[in-house]
Protein backbone atom coordinates (compact mmCIF):
# COMPACT_ATOMS: atom_id res chain seq x y z
CA UNK A 1 -2.11 -2.86 1.93
CA UNK A 2 -4.14 0.24 2.55
CA UNK A 3 -2.43 2.76 5.04
CA UNK A 4 -6.08 2.83 7.10
CA UNK A 5 -5.31 -1.51 7.87
CA UNK A 6 -1.96 -0.73 8.99
CA UNK A 7 -2.83 2.05 11.37
CA UNK A 8 -5.00 -0.03 13.06
CA UNK A 9 -2.95 -3.29 13.23
CA UNK A 10 -0.15 -0.66 14.54
CA UNK A 11 -2.25 0.45 16.96
CA UNK A 12 -3.39 -2.82 18.06
CA UNK A 13 0.27 -3.63 18.80
CA UNK A 14 0.64 -0.71 20.62
CA UNK A 15 -2.73 -1.23 23.05
CA UNK A 16 -1.03 -4.58 23.60
CA UNK A 17 2.47 -3.31 24.71
CA UNK A 18 1.41 0.02 26.49
CA UNK A 19 0.03 -2.40 29.37
CA UNK A 20 3.68 -3.04 30.12
CA UNK A 21 4.88 -1.22 33.50
CA UNK A 22 8.28 -0.59 31.47
CA UNK A 23 7.71 2.18 28.77
CA UNK A 24 11.11 1.78 27.19
CA UNK A 25 10.54 -1.95 26.84
CA UNK A 26 7.46 -1.59 25.67
CA UNK A 27 8.79 1.18 22.67
CA UNK A 28 11.42 -1.43 22.00
CA UNK A 29 8.75 -4.63 22.05
CA UNK A 30 6.36 -2.35 19.40
CA UNK A 31 9.00 -2.02 16.86
CA UNK A 32 10.79 -5.34 17.38
CA UNK A 33 7.18 -6.73 16.57
CA UNK A 34 6.54 -4.87 13.85
CA UNK A 35 10.36 -5.85 12.35
CA UNK A 36 9.90 -9.42 12.99
CA UNK A 37 6.21 -10.18 12.13
CA UNK A 38 5.73 -7.19 9.01
CA UNK A 39 6.93 -7.83 5.74
CA UNK A 40 9.08 -4.79 4.39
CA UNK A 41 6.33 -3.03 1.97
CA UNK A 42 4.32 -2.78 5.09
CA UNK A 43 7.08 -1.01 7.21
CA UNK A 44 7.98 1.19 4.18
CA UNK A 45 4.17 2.17 4.00
CA UNK A 46 4.37 2.96 7.79
CA UNK A 47 6.97 4.92 7.87
CA UNK A 48 6.03 7.08 4.72
CA UNK A 49 2.94 7.61 6.53
CA UNK A 50 4.97 8.70 9.10
CA UNK A 51 7.06 11.03 6.96
CA UNK A 52 4.31 12.36 4.89
CA UNK A 53 1.43 12.44 8.02
CA UNK A 54 3.85 13.07 11.17
CA UNK A 55 1.86 9.55 12.38
CA UNK A 56 -1.55 10.43 11.95
CA UNK A 57 -4.00 8.22 13.63
CA UNK A 58 -1.24 6.32 15.31
CA UNK A 59 -1.30 6.25 19.11
CA UNK A 60 1.51 8.28 20.79
CA UNK A 61 3.37 5.28 21.60
CA UNK A 62 3.33 3.61 18.61
CA UNK A 63 4.42 6.84 17.14
CA UNK A 64 7.40 6.68 19.35
CA UNK A 65 8.24 3.42 18.56
CA UNK A 66 8.30 4.21 15.25
CA UNK A 67 10.39 7.39 15.48
CA UNK A 68 13.13 6.19 17.72
CA UNK A 69 13.49 2.72 16.00
CA UNK A 70 13.14 3.58 12.75
CA UNK A 71 16.57 2.14 11.76
CA UNK A 72 15.52 -0.90 12.78
CA UNK A 73 12.15 -0.47 10.52
CA UNK A 74 13.87 0.22 7.61
């Protein structure tokens, strides 16, 4: 799967949860959603993008979620 597609999908998830009033909960829910619904190779590609390109193209809340909950996503 192309990283551009994963970025789009991650940003859609981030946009949905960003509307939550509790940012901490939103960040945790983004990571939880990605963990539950993305297969491991998709999560590895997203983590690789974070490492290689500092999450370029990802919403700030998605970058925060992936960075803070990396252990859950590996």
